[in-house]
């Protein structure tokens, strides 16, 4: 099961990594330009945010290729995280984003597990 999860992650990143890298860099720079606070160029918070956005964009791009409506929904939820975009809901909407992405990722993993189970047993 662990190898199946790793294989799903590997395939998602391999298929969508370059586009997700571009989207996450553009989002990070636009947030930095919009933000009035000056922060260090390489801080632990920036690295964590970049990794989070990169993973969420890869999952969203995978969903957009397979299921258009789910992909659009996942893309929209990414913009709930930055506090500069929706200032009235600062810090309140991030659970929606993370739970949506984890749910879709769980769906992909369960499909892969089912397909492997189905191939190993004759029905």
N, C-alpha and C. Protein backbone atom coordinates (compact mmCIF):
# COMPACT_ATOMS: atom_id res chain seq x y z
N UNK A 1 0.82 -1.19 0.00
CA UNK A 1 0.00 0.00 0.00
C UNK A 1 0.87 1.26 0.00
N UNK A 2 1.96 1.24 0.75
CA UNK A 2 2.84 2.40 0.79
C UNK A 2 3.43 2.68 -0.58
N UNK A 3 3.80 1.62 -1.29
CA UNK A 3 4.37 1.80 -2.62
C UNK A 3 3.34 2.33 -3.60
N UNK A 4 2.09 1.99 -3.40
CA UNK A 4 1.02 2.52 -4.25
C UNK A 4 0.86 4.02 -4.03
N UNK A 5 0.91 4.44 -2.78
CA UNK A 5 0.79 5.86 -2.47
C UNK A 5 1.97 6.63 -3.07
N UNK A 6 3.16 6.08 -2.92
CA UNK A 6 4.35 6.73 -3.49
C UNK A 6 4.26 6.78 -5.01
N UNK A 7 3.76 5.72 -5.61
CA UNK A 7 3.62 5.67 -7.07
C UNK A 7 2.61 6.71 -7.56
N UNK A 8 1.51 6.88 -6.83
CA UNK A 8 0.52 7.89 -7.20
C UNK A 8 1.13 9.28 -7.12
N UNK A 9 1.85 9.59 -6.03
CA UNK A 9 2.52 10.88 -5.90
C UNK A 9 3.52 11.09 -7.01
N UNK A 10 4.31 10.06 -7.32
CA UNK A 10 5.34 10.17 -8.35
C UNK A 10 4.71 10.48 -9.70
N UNK A 11 3.63 9.80 -10.03
CA UNK A 11 2.96 10.03 -11.32
C UNK A 11 2.34 11.42 -11.40
N UNK A 12 1.75 11.87 -10.31
CA UNK A 12 1.14 13.21 -10.31
C UNK A 12 2.21 14.27 -10.50
N UNK A 13 3.31 14.16 -9.77
CA UNK A 13 4.38 15.16 -9.88
C UNK A 13 5.07 15.09 -11.23
N UNK A 14 5.26 13.88 -11.75
CA UNK A 14 5.91 13.73 -13.05
C UNK A 14 5.07 14.34 -14.16
N UNK A 15 3.77 14.16 -14.10
CA UNK A 15 2.89 14.66 -15.15
C UNK A 15 2.63 16.16 -15.07
N UNK A 16 2.64 16.73 -13.86
CA UNK A 16 2.22 18.13 -13.70
C UNK A 16 3.24 19.01 -13.00
N UNK A 17 4.45 18.52 -12.80
CA UNK A 17 5.43 19.24 -12.00
C UNK A 17 5.86 20.57 -12.57
N UNK A 18 6.13 20.62 -13.87
CA UNK A 18 6.63 21.87 -14.45
C UNK A 18 5.56 22.96 -14.46
N UNK A 19 4.34 22.59 -14.77
CA UNK A 19 3.26 23.58 -14.76
C UNK A 19 2.97 24.05 -13.34
N UNK A 20 3.00 23.13 -12.38
CA UNK A 20 2.74 23.50 -10.98
C UNK A 20 3.85 24.39 -10.45
N UNK A 21 5.08 24.14 -10.88
CA UNK A 21 6.20 24.99 -10.47
C UNK A 21 5.99 26.41 -10.96
N UNK A 22 5.56 26.55 -12.21
CA UNK A 22 5.30 27.87 -12.77
C UNK A 22 4.18 28.58 -12.02
N UNK A 23 3.06 27.87 -11.80
CA UNK A 23 1.93 28.48 -11.09
C UNK A 23 2.30 28.88 -9.66
N UNK A 24 3.03 28.03 -8.97
CA UNK A 24 3.37 28.34 -7.58
C UNK A 24 4.34 29.52 -7.50
N UNK A 25 5.30 29.61 -8.42
CA UNK A 25 6.21 30.76 -8.42
C UNK A 25 5.45 32.05 -8.72
N UNK A 26 4.56 31.99 -9.71
CA UNK A 26 3.76 33.18 -10.03
C UNK A 26 2.88 33.61 -8.87
N UNK A 27 2.27 32.66 -8.19
CA UNK A 27 1.41 32.98 -7.04
C UNK A 27 2.24 33.57 -5.91
N UNK A 28 3.40 32.98 -5.64
CA UNK A 28 4.25 33.49 -4.55
C UNK A 28 4.73 34.91 -4.85
N UNK A 29 5.13 35.17 -6.10
CA UNK A 29 5.57 36.52 -6.46
C UNK A 29 4.43 37.52 -6.42
N UNK A 30 3.25 37.13 -6.87
CA UNK A 30 2.12 38.06 -6.83
C UNK A 30 1.70 38.35 -5.40
N UNK A 31 1.75 37.36 -4.53
CA UNK A 31 1.43 37.61 -3.12
C UNK A 31 2.47 38.51 -2.49
N UNK A 32 3.73 38.31 -2.86
CA UNK A 32 4.81 39.14 -2.32
C UNK A 32 4.67 40.58 -2.80
N UNK A 33 4.24 40.78 -4.04
CA UNK A 33 4.06 42.14 -4.56
C UNK A 33 2.87 42.81 -3.90
N UNK A 34 1.78 42.07 -3.72
CA UNK A 34 0.58 42.63 -3.09
C UNK A 34 0.81 42.94 -1.62
N UNK A 35 1.60 42.12 -0.95
CA UNK A 35 1.84 42.27 0.48
C UNK A 35 2.62 43.54 0.77
N UNK A 36 2.26 44.19 1.83
CA UNK A 36 2.94 45.41 2.23
C UNK A 36 4.11 45.12 3.17
N UNK A 37 4.18 43.89 3.65
CA UNK A 37 5.25 43.51 4.56
C UNK A 37 6.48 43.09 3.77
N UNK A 38 7.63 43.47 4.25
CA UNK A 38 8.86 43.01 3.61
C UNK A 38 9.39 41.84 4.43
N UNK A 39 9.66 40.75 3.77
CA UNK A 39 10.15 39.57 4.45
C UNK A 39 11.43 39.10 3.77
N UNK A 40 12.10 38.18 4.43
CA UNK A 40 13.33 37.66 3.86
C UNK A 40 13.02 36.85 2.61
N UNK A 41 14.03 36.78 1.73
CA UNK A 41 13.82 36.06 0.48
C UNK A 41 13.69 34.56 0.72
N UNK A 42 14.52 34.01 1.57
CA UNK A 42 14.46 32.58 1.87
C UNK A 42 14.25 32.40 3.37
N UNK A 43 13.02 32.26 3.76
CA UNK A 43 12.70 32.00 5.16
C UNK A 43 11.99 30.64 5.24
N UNK A 44 11.96 30.05 6.42
CA UNK A 44 11.27 28.75 6.53
C UNK A 44 9.79 28.82 6.15
N UNK A 45 9.15 29.93 6.44
CA UNK A 45 7.74 30.09 6.09
C UNK A 45 7.56 30.12 4.57
N UNK A 46 8.48 30.81 3.90
CA UNK A 46 8.41 30.89 2.44
C UNK A 46 8.63 29.53 1.80
N UNK A 47 9.58 28.77 2.32
CA UNK A 47 9.85 27.43 1.78
C UNK A 47 8.65 26.51 2.01
N UNK A 48 8.07 26.54 3.21
CA UNK A 48 6.88 25.73 3.50
C UNK A 48 5.72 26.13 2.60
N UNK A 49 5.52 27.43 2.42
CA UNK A 49 4.43 27.90 1.56
C UNK A 49 4.64 27.46 0.12
N UNK A 50 5.88 27.56 -0.36
CA UNK A 50 6.17 27.15 -1.73
C UNK A 50 5.89 25.67 -1.93
N UNK A 51 6.33 24.84 -1.00
CA UNK A 51 6.09 23.40 -1.12
C UNK A 51 4.59 23.10 -1.07
N UNK A 52 3.87 23.78 -0.19
CA UNK A 52 2.42 23.58 -0.09
C UNK A 52 1.71 23.96 -1.38
N UNK A 53 2.04 25.14 -1.92
CA UNK A 53 1.42 25.58 -3.16
C UNK A 53 1.78 24.66 -4.32
N UNK A 54 3.04 24.22 -4.37
CA UNK A 54 3.47 23.33 -5.44
C UNK A 54 2.66 22.03 -5.41
N UNK A 55 2.51 21.43 -4.24
CA UNK A 55 1.75 20.18 -4.13
C UNK A 55 0.27 20.39 -4.45
N UNK A 56 -0.28 21.50 -3.99
CA UNK A 56 -1.69 21.75 -4.27
C UNK A 56 -1.93 22.02 -5.76
N UNK A 57 -1.01 22.74 -6.40
CA UNK A 57 -1.17 22.97 -7.83
C UNK A 57 -1.00 21.69 -8.64
N UNK A 58 -0.10 20.80 -8.21
CA UNK A 58 0.03 19.53 -8.95
C UNK A 58 -1.24 18.70 -8.84
N UNK A 59 -1.82 18.66 -7.65
CA UNK A 59 -3.07 17.92 -7.46
C UNK A 59 -4.20 18.57 -8.25
N UNK A 60 -4.25 19.89 -8.25
CA UNK A 60 -5.31 20.60 -8.99
C UNK A 60 -5.18 20.40 -10.49
N UNK A 61 -3.95 20.41 -10.99
CA UNK A 61 -3.76 20.18 -12.43
C UNK A 61 -4.14 18.75 -12.82
N UNK A 62 -3.83 17.80 -11.95
CA UNK A 62 -4.24 16.41 -12.21
C UNK A 62 -5.76 16.30 -12.25
N UNK A 63 -6.42 16.97 -11.31
CA UNK A 63 -7.89 16.95 -11.29
C UNK A 63 -8.47 17.65 -12.50
N UNK A 64 -7.82 18.72 -12.94
CA UNK A 64 -8.31 19.46 -14.10
C UNK A 64 -8.22 18.62 -15.37
N UNK A 65 -7.19 17.78 -15.46
CA UNK A 65 -7.05 16.92 -16.64
C UNK A 65 -8.09 15.80 -16.65
N UNK A 66 -8.42 15.27 -15.49
CA UNK A 66 -9.34 14.13 -15.42
C UNK A 66 -10.79 14.57 -15.26
N UNK A 67 -11.04 15.47 -14.33
CA UNK A 67 -12.41 15.92 -14.02
C UNK A 67 -12.40 17.44 -13.97
N UNK A 68 -12.96 18.08 -14.97
CA UNK A 68 -12.87 19.53 -15.13
C UNK A 68 -13.47 20.30 -13.95
N UNK A 69 -14.63 19.91 -13.50
CA UNK A 69 -15.32 20.66 -12.44
C UNK A 69 -14.56 20.54 -11.13
N UNK A 70 -14.08 19.36 -10.82
CA UNK A 70 -13.31 19.18 -9.58
C UNK A 70 -12.01 19.96 -9.67
N UNK A 71 -11.38 19.97 -10.83
CA UNK A 71 -10.15 20.73 -11.01
C UNK A 71 -10.34 22.22 -10.82
N UNK A 72 -11.41 22.74 -11.37
CA UNK A 72 -11.71 24.17 -11.20
C UNK A 72 -11.97 24.48 -9.73
N UNK A 73 -12.72 23.60 -9.06
CA UNK A 73 -12.98 23.78 -7.63
C UNK A 73 -11.68 23.78 -6.81
N UNK A 74 -10.79 22.84 -7.12
CA UNK A 74 -9.54 22.78 -6.37
C UNK A 74 -8.67 24.00 -6.65
N UNK A 75 -8.67 24.50 -7.88
CA UNK A 75 -7.94 25.73 -8.18
C UNK A 75 -8.50 26.91 -7.40
N UNK A 76 -9.82 27.01 -7.32
CA UNK A 76 -10.43 28.12 -6.60
C UNK A 76 -10.10 28.06 -5.11
N UNK A 77 -10.05 26.86 -4.54
CA UNK A 77 -9.79 26.77 -3.11
C UNK A 77 -8.35 27.13 -2.75
N UNK A 78 -7.43 27.06 -3.71
CA UNK A 78 -6.06 27.46 -3.42
C UNK A 78 -5.99 28.93 -3.04
N UNK A 79 -6.85 29.73 -3.62
CA UNK A 79 -6.84 31.17 -3.34
C UNK A 79 -7.52 31.52 -2.02
N UNK A 80 -8.00 30.52 -1.27
CA UNK A 80 -8.51 30.76 0.08
C UNK A 80 -7.37 30.88 1.10
N UNK A 81 -6.20 30.39 0.76
CA UNK A 81 -5.11 30.33 1.74
C UNK A 81 -4.43 31.68 1.98
N UNK A 82 -3.99 32.42 0.94
CA UNK A 82 -3.26 33.66 1.22
C UNK A 82 -4.13 34.67 1.95
N UNK A 83 -3.62 35.23 3.04
CA UNK A 83 -4.43 36.18 3.81
C UNK A 83 -4.62 37.52 3.09
N UNK A 84 -3.86 37.80 2.06
CA UNK A 84 -3.98 39.08 1.35
C UNK A 84 -5.13 39.09 0.35
N UNK A 85 -5.62 37.92 -0.05
CA UNK A 85 -6.67 37.87 -1.06
C UNK A 85 -8.04 38.07 -0.44
N UNK A 86 -8.38 37.28 0.56
CA UNK A 86 -9.66 37.44 1.26
C UNK A 86 -9.35 37.92 2.69
N UNK A 87 -9.23 39.22 2.86
CA UNK A 87 -8.80 39.76 4.16
C UNK A 87 -9.85 39.59 5.25
N UNK A 88 -11.12 39.51 4.89
CA UNK A 88 -12.16 39.36 5.91
C UNK A 88 -12.14 37.97 6.55
N UNK A 89 -11.67 36.98 5.80
CA UNK A 89 -11.66 35.59 6.28
C UNK A 89 -10.23 35.11 6.54
N UNK A 90 -9.40 35.99 7.01
CA UNK A 90 -7.97 35.70 7.20
C UNK A 90 -7.79 34.50 8.14
N UNK A 91 -7.27 33.41 7.58
CA UNK A 91 -6.98 32.23 8.38
C UNK A 91 -8.16 31.32 8.67
N UNK A 92 -9.32 31.58 8.10
CA UNK A 92 -10.50 30.76 8.39
C UNK A 92 -10.83 29.75 7.29
N UNK A 93 -10.36 29.97 6.08
CA UNK A 93 -10.77 29.14 4.95
C UNK A 93 -9.75 28.08 4.56
N UNK A 94 -8.58 28.06 5.19
CA UNK A 94 -7.57 27.08 4.77
C UNK A 94 -7.98 25.64 5.01
N UNK A 95 -8.82 25.31 6.02
CA UNK A 95 -9.23 23.90 6.15
C UNK A 95 -10.02 23.40 4.94
N UNK A 96 -10.78 24.28 4.30
CA UNK A 96 -11.53 23.88 3.11
C UNK A 96 -10.57 23.45 2.02
N UNK A 97 -9.50 24.22 1.85
CA UNK A 97 -8.52 23.91 0.82
C UNK A 97 -7.82 22.59 1.09
N UNK A 98 -7.28 22.45 2.29
CA UNK A 98 -6.52 21.24 2.61
C UNK A 98 -7.40 19.99 2.59
N UNK A 99 -8.60 20.08 3.14
CA UNK A 99 -9.49 18.92 3.14
C UNK A 99 -9.94 18.55 1.73
N UNK A 100 -10.17 19.53 0.89
CA UNK A 100 -10.56 19.25 -0.49
C UNK A 100 -9.44 18.53 -1.24
N UNK A 101 -8.22 19.01 -1.07
CA UNK A 101 -7.09 18.39 -1.76
C UNK A 101 -6.79 17.00 -1.21
N UNK A 102 -6.85 16.85 0.11
CA UNK A 102 -6.61 15.53 0.70
C UNK A 102 -7.70 14.53 0.29
N UNK A 103 -8.93 14.99 0.18
CA UNK A 103 -10.02 14.12 -0.24
C UNK A 103 -9.81 13.64 -1.66
N UNK A 104 -9.45 14.55 -2.55
CA UNK A 104 -9.21 14.15 -3.93
C UNK A 104 -8.00 13.22 -4.03
N UNK A 105 -6.97 13.50 -3.26
CA UNK A 105 -5.80 12.64 -3.26
C UNK A 105 -6.14 11.26 -2.72
N UNK A 106 -6.97 11.20 -1.69
CA UNK A 106 -7.44 9.92 -1.17
C UNK A 106 -8.26 9.16 -2.20
N UNK A 107 -9.04 9.88 -2.98
CA UNK A 107 -9.81 9.27 -4.06
C UNK A 107 -8.89 8.64 -5.10
N UNK A 108 -7.85 9.37 -5.50
CA UNK A 108 -6.91 8.83 -6.48
C UNK A 108 -6.18 7.59 -5.95
N UNK A 109 -5.77 7.64 -4.69
CA UNK A 109 -5.07 6.50 -4.10
C UNK A 109 -6.00 5.30 -3.99
N UNK A 110 -7.26 5.54 -3.61
CA UNK A 110 -8.19 4.41 -3.49
C UNK A 110 -8.50 3.80 -4.86
N UNK A 111 -8.57 4.62 -5.91
CA UNK A 111 -8.76 4.07 -7.26
C UNK A 111 -7.58 3.20 -7.67
N UNK A 112 -6.38 3.65 -7.37
CA UNK A 112 -5.19 2.87 -7.72
C UNK A 112 -5.14 1.56 -6.93
N UNK A 113 -5.48 1.64 -5.63
CA UNK A 113 -5.52 0.42 -4.83
C UNK A 113 -6.57 -0.56 -5.33
N UNK A 114 -7.73 -0.05 -5.73
CA UNK A 114 -8.78 -0.91 -6.25
C UNK A 114 -8.34 -1.56 -7.56
N UNK A 115 -7.70 -0.78 -8.44
CA UNK A 115 -7.25 -1.35 -9.71
C UNK A 115 -6.20 -2.44 -9.50
N UNK A 116 -5.29 -2.23 -8.55
CA UNK A 116 -4.30 -3.27 -8.26
C UNK A 116 -4.95 -4.51 -7.65
N UNK A 117 -5.92 -4.31 -6.78
CA UNK A 117 -6.63 -5.44 -6.19
C UNK A 117 -7.39 -6.22 -7.26
N UNK A 118 -8.04 -5.49 -8.16
CA UNK A 118 -8.84 -6.10 -9.21
C UNK A 118 -7.96 -6.91 -10.16
N UNK A 119 -6.77 -6.42 -10.46
CA UNK A 119 -5.86 -7.14 -11.34
C UNK A 119 -5.28 -8.38 -10.69
N UNK A 120 -5.13 -8.35 -9.38
CA UNK A 120 -4.52 -9.49 -8.69
C UNK A 120 -5.52 -10.61 -8.39
N UNK A 121 -6.80 -10.30 -8.40
CA UNK A 121 -7.84 -11.31 -8.15
C UNK A 121 -8.71 -11.45 -9.38
N UNK A 122 -9.04 -12.65 -9.67
CA UNK A 122 -9.92 -12.88 -10.82
C UNK A 122 -11.36 -12.79 -10.35
N UNK A 123 -12.13 -12.02 -11.06
CA UNK A 123 -13.54 -11.86 -10.70
C UNK A 123 -14.43 -12.62 -11.64
